[in-house]
Protein backbone atom coordinates (compact mmCIF):
# COMPACT_ATOMS: atom_id res chain seq x y z
CA UNK A 1 125.86 -137.09 -24.41
CA UNK A 2 123.17 -134.96 -26.02
CA UNK A 3 124.09 -136.04 -29.54
CA UNK A 4 124.22 -139.74 -28.77
CA UNK A 5 120.90 -139.80 -26.93
CA UNK A 6 119.01 -137.78 -29.51
CA UNK A 7 120.54 -139.74 -32.36
CA UNK A 8 119.53 -143.02 -30.77
CA UNK A 9 116.00 -141.70 -30.44
CA UNK A 10 115.99 -140.78 -34.13
CA UNK A 11 116.27 -144.44 -34.98
CA UNK A 12 112.90 -145.04 -33.39
CA UNK A 13 111.47 -143.34 -36.45
CA UNK A 14 108.89 -145.50 -38.19
CA UNK A 15 106.12 -143.27 -39.52
CA UNK A 16 104.34 -139.96 -38.97
CA UNK A 17 104.46 -136.22 -39.32
CA UNK A 18 107.02 -134.09 -37.57
CA UNK A 19 106.46 -132.24 -34.32
CA UNK A 20 105.56 -129.24 -36.45
CA UNK A 21 102.06 -130.64 -37.02
CA UNK A 22 99.92 -133.61 -36.02
CA UNK A 23 98.76 -135.89 -38.84
CA UNK A 24 95.22 -137.27 -38.54
CA UNK A 25 95.09 -138.57 -42.11
CA UNK A 26 93.86 -142.14 -41.98
CA UNK A 27 90.82 -144.39 -41.99
CA UNK A 28 88.86 -144.11 -38.71
CA UNK A 29 86.05 -146.22 -37.26
CA UNK A 30 84.27 -147.50 -34.16
CA UNK A 31 84.74 -151.30 -33.87
CA UNK A 32 81.23 -151.71 -32.41
CA UNK A 33 79.74 -149.95 -35.46
CA UNK A 34 81.18 -152.13 -38.20
CA UNK A 35 79.84 -151.08 -41.60
CA UNK A 36 80.47 -147.36 -41.28
CA UNK A 37 83.72 -145.41 -41.31
CA UNK A 38 85.43 -142.06 -41.71
CA UNK A 39 88.12 -141.23 -44.23
CA UNK A 40 90.16 -138.24 -43.03
CA UNK A 41 92.30 -136.50 -45.63
CA UNK A 42 94.72 -133.81 -44.47
CA UNK A 43 96.82 -131.23 -46.29
CA UNK A 44 98.55 -128.87 -43.90
CA UNK A 45 95.95 -127.63 -41.43
CA UNK A 46 92.95 -128.38 -43.67
CA UNK A 47 90.91 -131.58 -43.32
CA UNK A 48 88.32 -133.19 -45.57
CA UNK A 49 86.22 -135.87 -43.87
CA UNK A 50 84.00 -138.39 -45.65
CA UNK A 51 81.58 -140.30 -43.40
CA UNK A 52 80.42 -143.56 -44.99
CA UNK A 53 77.24 -145.03 -43.49
CA UNK A 54 73.71 -146.18 -44.39
CA UNK A 55 70.56 -144.16 -44.95
CA UNK A 56 67.08 -144.84 -43.56
CA UNK A 57 66.44 -147.38 -46.34
CA UNK A 58 69.67 -149.25 -45.64
CA UNK A 59 71.45 -147.95 -48.73
CA UNK A 60 75.12 -147.03 -48.67
CA UNK A 61 75.63 -143.27 -48.55
CA UNK A 62 78.11 -140.68 -47.31
CA UNK A 63 78.32 -137.14 -45.98
CA UNK A 64 81.22 -134.71 -46.38
CA UNK A 65 82.66 -131.99 -44.15
CA UNK A 66 85.77 -129.87 -44.62
CA UNK A 67 87.62 -126.99 -43.05
CA UNK A 68 90.65 -125.84 -41.09
CA UNK A 69 91.57 -127.33 -37.73
CA UNK A 70 91.12 -125.12 -34.68
CA UNK A 71 93.61 -126.68 -32.30
CA UNK A 72 92.52 -130.33 -32.28
CA UNK A 73 88.94 -129.68 -33.48
CA UNK A 74 87.21 -129.46 -36.84
CA UNK A 75 83.67 -128.03 -36.96
CA UNK A 76 81.72 -127.62 -40.16
CA UNK A 77 78.67 -128.30 -42.28
CA UNK A 78 77.70 -131.77 -43.36
CA UNK A 79 76.83 -131.95 -47.05
CA UNK A 80 75.22 -134.65 -49.17
CA UNK A 81 76.00 -134.90 -52.87
CA UNK A 82 73.94 -136.37 -55.68
CA UNK A 83 74.85 -137.08 -59.28
CA UNK A 84 74.75 -139.44 -62.26
CA UNK A 85 76.08 -142.98 -62.48
CA UNK A 86 79.68 -143.37 -63.69
CA UNK A 87 80.29 -144.44 -67.26
CA UNK A 88 79.45 -143.22 -70.73
CA UNK A 89 77.47 -140.01 -70.73
CA UNK A 90 78.60 -138.92 -67.28
CA UNK A 91 77.82 -135.22 -66.95
CA UNK A 92 79.45 -133.33 -64.03
CA UNK A 93 76.88 -130.60 -64.51
CA UNK A 94 74.34 -132.97 -62.95
CA UNK A 95 76.31 -133.20 -59.69
CA UNK A 96 74.73 -131.30 -56.83
CA UNK A 97 75.43 -130.78 -53.14
CA UNK A 98 73.21 -129.67 -50.26
CA UNK A 99 73.96 -128.86 -46.63
CA UNK A 100 72.03 -131.27 -44.38
CA UNK A 101 73.54 -130.61 -40.93
CA UNK A 102 76.66 -129.91 -38.92
CA UNK A 103 79.37 -131.94 -37.17
CA UNK A 104 82.36 -131.54 -34.90
CA UNK A 105 85.34 -133.88 -35.02
CA UNK A 106 87.55 -133.62 -31.91
CA UNK A 107 90.87 -135.46 -31.80
CA UNK A 108 91.37 -136.47 -28.16
CA UNK A 109 94.82 -137.92 -28.91
CA UNK A 110 96.84 -139.06 -31.89
CA UNK A 111 94.77 -142.24 -32.10
CA UNK A 112 91.33 -141.37 -30.69
CA UNK A 113 88.59 -138.91 -31.62
CA UNK A 114 84.96 -137.97 -30.94
CA UNK A 115 82.49 -137.28 -33.78
CA UNK A 116 79.41 -135.24 -32.80
CA UNK A 117 76.77 -134.86 -35.51
CA UNK A 118 73.33 -133.46 -36.25
CA UNK A 119 71.58 -133.95 -39.62
CA UNK A 120 68.17 -134.88 -41.02
CA UNK A 121 66.67 -134.68 -37.53
CA UNK A 122 69.25 -137.10 -36.13
CA UNK A 123 71.99 -136.36 -33.62
CA UNK A 124 74.59 -138.28 -31.68
CA UNK A 125 78.19 -138.74 -30.59
CA UNK A 126 80.53 -141.53 -31.74
CA UNK A 127 83.95 -142.46 -30.36
CA UNK A 128 86.50 -143.18 -33.09
CA UNK A 129 89.90 -144.80 -33.44
CA UNK A 130 92.20 -145.39 -36.36
CA UNK A 131 91.40 -148.42 -38.51
CA UNK A 132 94.30 -150.85 -38.96
CA UNK A 133 94.31 -153.07 -42.05
CA UNK A 134 97.98 -153.41 -43.10
CA UNK A 135 101.51 -153.46 -41.72
CA UNK A 136 104.21 -151.15 -43.07
CA UNK A 137 107.69 -152.43 -43.91
CA UNK A 138 109.67 -151.13 -40.93
CA UNK A 139 112.55 -153.61 -40.79
CA UNK A 140 115.68 -152.80 -42.76
CA UNK A 141 118.52 -150.32 -43.08
CA UNK A 142 117.83 -146.60 -42.73
CA UNK A 143 119.67 -143.27 -42.90
CA UNK A 144 118.21 -140.69 -40.52
CA UNK A 145 118.25 -137.03 -39.51
CA UNK A 146 117.10 -135.81 -36.10
CA UNK A 147 115.79 -132.34 -35.19
CA UNK A 148 115.12 -131.79 -31.50
CA UNK A 149 116.19 -130.25 -28.21
CA UNK A 150 117.48 -131.25 -24.77
CA UNK A 151 116.47 -129.57 -21.51
CA UNK A 152 117.08 -130.12 -17.80
CA UNK A 153 120.52 -131.69 -18.22
CA UNK A 154 122.93 -131.73 -15.28
CA UNK A 155 125.61 -130.47 -17.62
CA UNK A 156 124.54 -127.15 -19.14
CA UNK A 157 126.58 -127.97 -22.24
CA UNK A 158 124.16 -130.80 -23.03
CA UNK A 159 121.12 -128.48 -23.18
CA UNK A 160 120.01 -126.94 -26.45
CA UNK A 161 119.21 -127.73 -30.05
CA UNK A 162 120.02 -131.15 -31.51
CA UNK A 163 120.86 -131.69 -35.19
CA UNK A 164 122.47 -134.97 -36.25
CA UNK A 165 122.55 -137.83 -38.76
CA UNK A 166 123.50 -141.51 -38.90
CA UNK A 167 122.57 -145.00 -40.10
CA UNK A 168 120.57 -147.77 -38.44
CA UNK A 169 119.23 -151.29 -38.71
CA UNK A 170 115.58 -151.83 -37.62
CA UNK A 171 113.95 -155.16 -36.80
CA UNK A 172 110.22 -155.26 -36.04
CA UNK A 173 108.98 -158.63 -34.78
CA UNK A 174 105.41 -158.71 -33.58
CA UNK A 175 105.04 -155.80 -31.18
CA UNK A 176 108.77 -155.58 -30.40
CA UNK A 177 111.06 -153.16 -32.18
CA UNK A 178 114.82 -153.64 -31.80
CA UNK A 179 117.52 -151.51 -33.38
CA UNK A 180 121.26 -151.13 -33.65
CA UNK A 181 122.73 -147.97 -35.07
CA UNK A 182 125.88 -145.98 -35.72
CA UNK A 183 126.11 -142.18 -35.45
CA UNK A 184 128.21 -140.21 -37.88
CA UNK A 185 130.65 -139.44 -35.06
CA UNK A 186 131.17 -143.20 -34.48
CA UNK A 187 129.20 -143.85 -31.28
CA UNK A 188 126.71 -146.74 -31.17
CA UNK A 189 123.43 -147.49 -29.38
CA UNK A 190 120.66 -150.05 -29.09
CA UNK A 191 117.16 -150.20 -27.63
CA UNK A 192 114.02 -152.29 -27.09
CA UNK A 193 110.59 -150.81 -27.72
CA UNK A 194 107.11 -152.27 -27.31
CA UNK A 195 104.86 -150.78 -30.00
CA UNK A 196 101.20 -150.84 -30.96
CA UNK A 197 99.74 -149.98 -34.35
CA UNK A 198 96.65 -147.85 -34.85
CA UNK A 199 95.78 -147.29 -38.50
CA UNK A 200 98.94 -146.13 -40.25
CA UNK A 201 100.48 -144.84 -37.01
CA UNK A 202 102.72 -146.65 -34.52
CA UNK A 203 103.29 -145.61 -30.92
CA UNK A 204 105.14 -147.21 -28.02
CA UNK A 205 107.32 -147.07 -24.94
CA UNK A 206 110.65 -148.63 -24.16
CA UNK A 207 114.20 -148.30 -22.93
CA UNK A 208 117.51 -147.45 -24.54
CA UNK A 209 121.21 -147.92 -23.84
CA UNK A 210 124.13 -146.13 -25.46
CA UNK A 211 127.81 -145.33 -25.21
CA UNK A 212 129.06 -141.79 -25.74
CA UNK A 213 132.80 -141.42 -25.82
CA UNK A 214 133.15 -144.33 -23.38
CA UNK A 215 130.33 -143.21 -21.04
CA UNK A 216 127.38 -145.55 -20.51
CA UNK A 217 123.92 -144.01 -20.80
CA UNK A 218 120.36 -145.35 -20.54
CA UNK A 219 116.80 -144.14 -20.16
CA UNK A 220 113.15 -144.36 -21.15
CA UNK A 221 111.36 -143.16 -24.28
CA UNK A 222 107.85 -142.60 -25.64
CA UNK A 223 107.28 -142.33 -29.37
CA UNK A 224 104.17 -141.25 -31.29
CA UNK A 225 103.13 -140.75 -34.91
CA UNK A 226 105.59 -143.33 -36.23
CA UNK A 227 104.83 -143.76 -39.93
CA UNK A 228 106.27 -145.29 -43.07
CA UNK A 229 105.43 -143.78 -46.45
CA UNK A 230 107.25 -145.56 -49.25
CA UNK A 231 110.97 -145.35 -48.51
CA UNK A 232 110.55 -142.67 -45.83
CA UNK A 233 109.93 -142.70 -42.07
CA UNK A 234 109.01 -139.95 -39.63
CA UNK A 235 108.15 -139.82 -35.94
CA UNK A 236 107.85 -137.68 -32.79
CA UNK A 237 109.54 -138.58 -29.50
CA UNK A 238 109.92 -137.55 -25.86
CA UNK A 239 112.62 -139.23 -23.79
CA UNK A 240 114.36 -139.04 -20.43
CA UNK A 241 117.87 -140.02 -19.42
CA UNK A 242 117.93 -142.13 -16.26
CA UNK A 243 121.60 -143.13 -16.06
CA UNK A 244 124.39 -140.68 -16.84
CA UNK A 245 122.23 -137.54 -17.05
CA UNK A 246 118.77 -136.15 -16.24
CA UNK A 247 117.90 -134.68 -19.62
CA UNK A 248 114.49 -134.53 -21.25
CA UNK A 249 114.80 -134.88 -25.02
CA UNK A 250 112.07 -134.22 -27.56
CA UNK A 251 111.92 -133.71 -31.28
CA UNK A 252 111.12 -135.21 -34.66
CA UNK A 253 112.91 -137.54 -37.01
CA UNK A 254 112.98 -138.26 -40.72
CA UNK A 255 114.61 -141.36 -42.23
CA UNK A 256 115.14 -142.89 -45.66
CA UNK A 257 116.04 -146.37 -46.86
């Protein structure tokens, strides 16, 4: 049972980092403050944040902050850079940077954050969410690998580490994701998932059904950080078995076209 359930959950993979680390890399904004935005770049545990907005004269400008995450929070100096126009004669020696304030960026969840700032005599707090401007190509055929664990199973043999592979067919239509898939050991499964997209990340809830050596299984699942990057998918998941077991399954998935 453990292999079939976890493998079925793998096929929910659409995009995101593994459970080993949250990915906040994306464009962020506040819909009520159209015209300004935050570009969050992430490499490992280090973030660089560029805040695009307008100055007191209404001119486009930006401030930068960077540093290592402390849990779900980044605190650092805000700096403003100046330099020459691009083009012939550009001299990087004329680029300068000055600290003008401080800020704290707190990620309240995978898809929401709070930006507290103080600079140039100004201060405030802004609620942020990921900015969505494109849809990734989710539908198609995928090969996947799942890395997770099962706990709380009625059968002790079903508890423990999960490592498995297989192939799947994904169909994303509107906010509904449907899949059929085959595990390497020959079992099959299918599910229906209602998803929402926030920036480059999908999340959603749904149900699954599967057969494992003739046994019928079903349950509920929540997925987060579903992402597509080129021909690759990743995601995090937490699921429960309602019929056939009482397991709680969690882990991360990678997939390739």
